[in-house]
C-alpha atoms as a PDB file:
ATOM      1  CA  MET A   1       0.000   0.000   0.000  1.00  0.00           C
ATOM      2  CA  ASP A   2       1.434   3.381  -0.999  1.00  0.00           C
ATOM      3  CA  GLU A   3       1.603   5.878   1.835  1.00  0.00           C
ATOM      4  CA  GLU A   4       0.090   9.258   0.990  1.00  0.00           C
ATOM      5  CA  GLN A   5       2.720  11.962   0.600  1.00  0.00           C
ATOM      6  CA  LEU A   6       2.429  14.737   3.199  1.00  0.00           C
ATOM      7  CA  PRO A   7       2.352  18.328   1.940  1.00  0.00           C
ATOM      8  CA  THR A   8       5.496  20.344   2.530  1.00  0.00           C
ATOM      9  CA  GLN A   9       6.149  23.945   3.530  1.00  0.00           C
ATOM     10  CA  ARG A  10       9.197  26.087   2.917  1.00  0.00           C
ATOM     11  CA  VAL A  11      10.268  28.131   5.968  1.00  0.00           C
ATOM     12  CA  ALA A  12      13.476  30.201   5.864  1.00  0.00           C
ATOM     13  CA  GLY A  13      14.736  28.188   2.902  1.00  0.00           C
ATOM     14  CA  ILE A  14      14.220  24.807   4.605  1.00  0.00           C
ATOM     15  CA  GLU A  15      11.493  22.404   3.525  1.00  0.00           C
ATOM     16  CA  TYR A  16       9.295  20.963   6.295  1.00  0.00           C
ATOM     17  CA  LEU A  17       6.470  18.429   6.283  1.00  0.00           C
ATOM     18  CA  SER A  18       3.061  19.726   7.345  1.00  0.00           C
ATOM     19  CA  CYS A  19       1.335  18.448  10.483  1.00  0.00           C
ATOM     20  CA  GLU A  20      -1.478  16.055   9.549  1.00  0.00           C
ATOM     21  CA  TRP A  21      -3.733  17.573  12.241  1.00  0.00           C
ATOM     22  CA  CYS A  22      -3.248  21.357  11.960  1.00  0.00           C
ATOM     23  CA  GLY A  23      -1.110  21.916   8.845  1.00  0.00           C
ATOM     24  CA  GLU A  24       1.755  23.722  10.636  1.00  0.00           C
ATOM     25  CA  ALA A  25       5.398  23.025   9.754  1.00  0.00           C
ATOM     26  CA  VAL A  26       6.916  20.027  11.587  1.00  0.00           C
ATOM     27  CA  SER A  27      10.585  20.072  12.596  1.00  0.00           C
ATOM     28  CA  GLN A  28      12.516  17.005  11.452  1.00  0.00           C
ATOM     29  CA  LEU A  29      15.662  17.674  13.483  1.00  0.00           C
ATOM     30  CA  GLY A  30      17.044  14.638  15.297  1.00  0.00           C
ATOM     31  CA  THR A  31      14.648  12.078  13.831  1.00  0.00           C
ATOM     32  CA  ARG A  32      15.260   8.862  11.942  1.00  0.00           C
ATOM     33  CA  SER A  33      11.802   8.676  10.415  1.00  0.00           C
ATOM     34  CA  PRO A  34       9.719  11.667   9.325  1.00  0.00           C
ATOM     35  CA  ARG A  35       7.452  13.174  11.965  1.00  0.00           C
ATOM     36  CA  LYS A  36       3.816  13.603  10.947  1.00  0.00           C
ATOM     37  CA  TYR A  37       2.650  15.831  13.815  1.00  0.00           C
ATOM     38  CA  CYS A  38       4.025  19.007  15.405  1.00  0.00           C
ATOM     39  CA  LYS A  39       2.823  18.059  18.928  1.00  0.00           C
ATOM     40  CA  ARG A  40       1.952  14.865  20.796  1.00  0.00           C
ATOM     41  CA  THR A  41      -1.562  16.193  21.422  1.00  0.00           C
ATOM     42  CA  HIS A  42      -2.091  16.600  17.669  1.00  0.00           C
ATOM     43  CA  ARG A  43      -1.055  12.986  17.180  1.00  0.00           C
ATOM     44  CA  GLN A  44      -3.641  11.937  19.782  1.00  0.00           C
ATOM     45  CA  ARG A  45      -6.401  14.142  18.291  1.00  0.00           C
ATOM     46  CA  ALA A  46      -5.708  12.726  14.824  1.00  0.00           C
ATOM     47  CA  PHE A  47      -5.967   9.176  16.205  1.00  0.00           C
ATOM     48  CA  GLU A  48      -9.290  10.022  17.856  1.00  0.00           C
ATOM     49  CA  ALA A  49     -10.596  11.712  14.694  1.00  0.00           C
ATOM     50  CA  ARG A  50      -9.733   8.684  12.545  1.00  0.00           C
ATOM     51  CA  ARG A  51     -11.376   6.386  15.086  1.00  0.00           C
ATOM     52  CA  LEU A  52     -14.582   8.467  15.144  1.00  0.00           C
ATOM     53  CA  GLY A  53     -14.589   9.187  11.394  1.00  0.00           C
ATOM     54  CA  VAL A  54     -14.287  12.962  11.931  1.00  0.00           C
ATOM     55  CA  PRO A  55     -12.238  15.033   9.437  1.00  0.00           C
ATOM     56  CA  MET A  56      -8.869  16.394  10.528  1.00  0.00           C
ATOM     57  CA  LEU A  57      -8.817  19.922  11.974  1.00  0.00           C
ATOM     58  CA  ARG A  58      -7.082  21.425   8.921  1.00  0.00           C
ATOM     59  CA  ASN A  59      -9.739  19.855   6.654  1.00  0.00           C
ATOM     60  CA  ARG A  60     -12.589  21.177   8.806  1.00  0.00           C
ATOM     61  CA  LYS A  61     -11.344  24.770   8.487  1.00  0.00           C
ATOM     62  CA  THR A  62     -11.349  24.689   4.674  1.00  0.00           C
ATOM     63  CA  ALA A  63     -14.552  22.624   4.366  1.00  0.00           C
ATOM     64  CA  GLY A  64     -16.500  25.023   6.591  1.00  0.00           C
ATOM     65  CA  GLY A  65     -16.192  27.872   4.087  1.00  0.00           C
END
């Protein structure tokens, strides 16, 4: 199964992955595998959202109009 590519952001000339929950830039310093969330709480909220079938926070902002 192909893993969906996370969107990236360019901050101060450095490319960062975007947080799956909020869309903010995620620091990759000191990691072996890419981080998907900027905070542990966002990781937990994303888990809960997937479990309940609720859209991610960043998707709710744009879908709301």
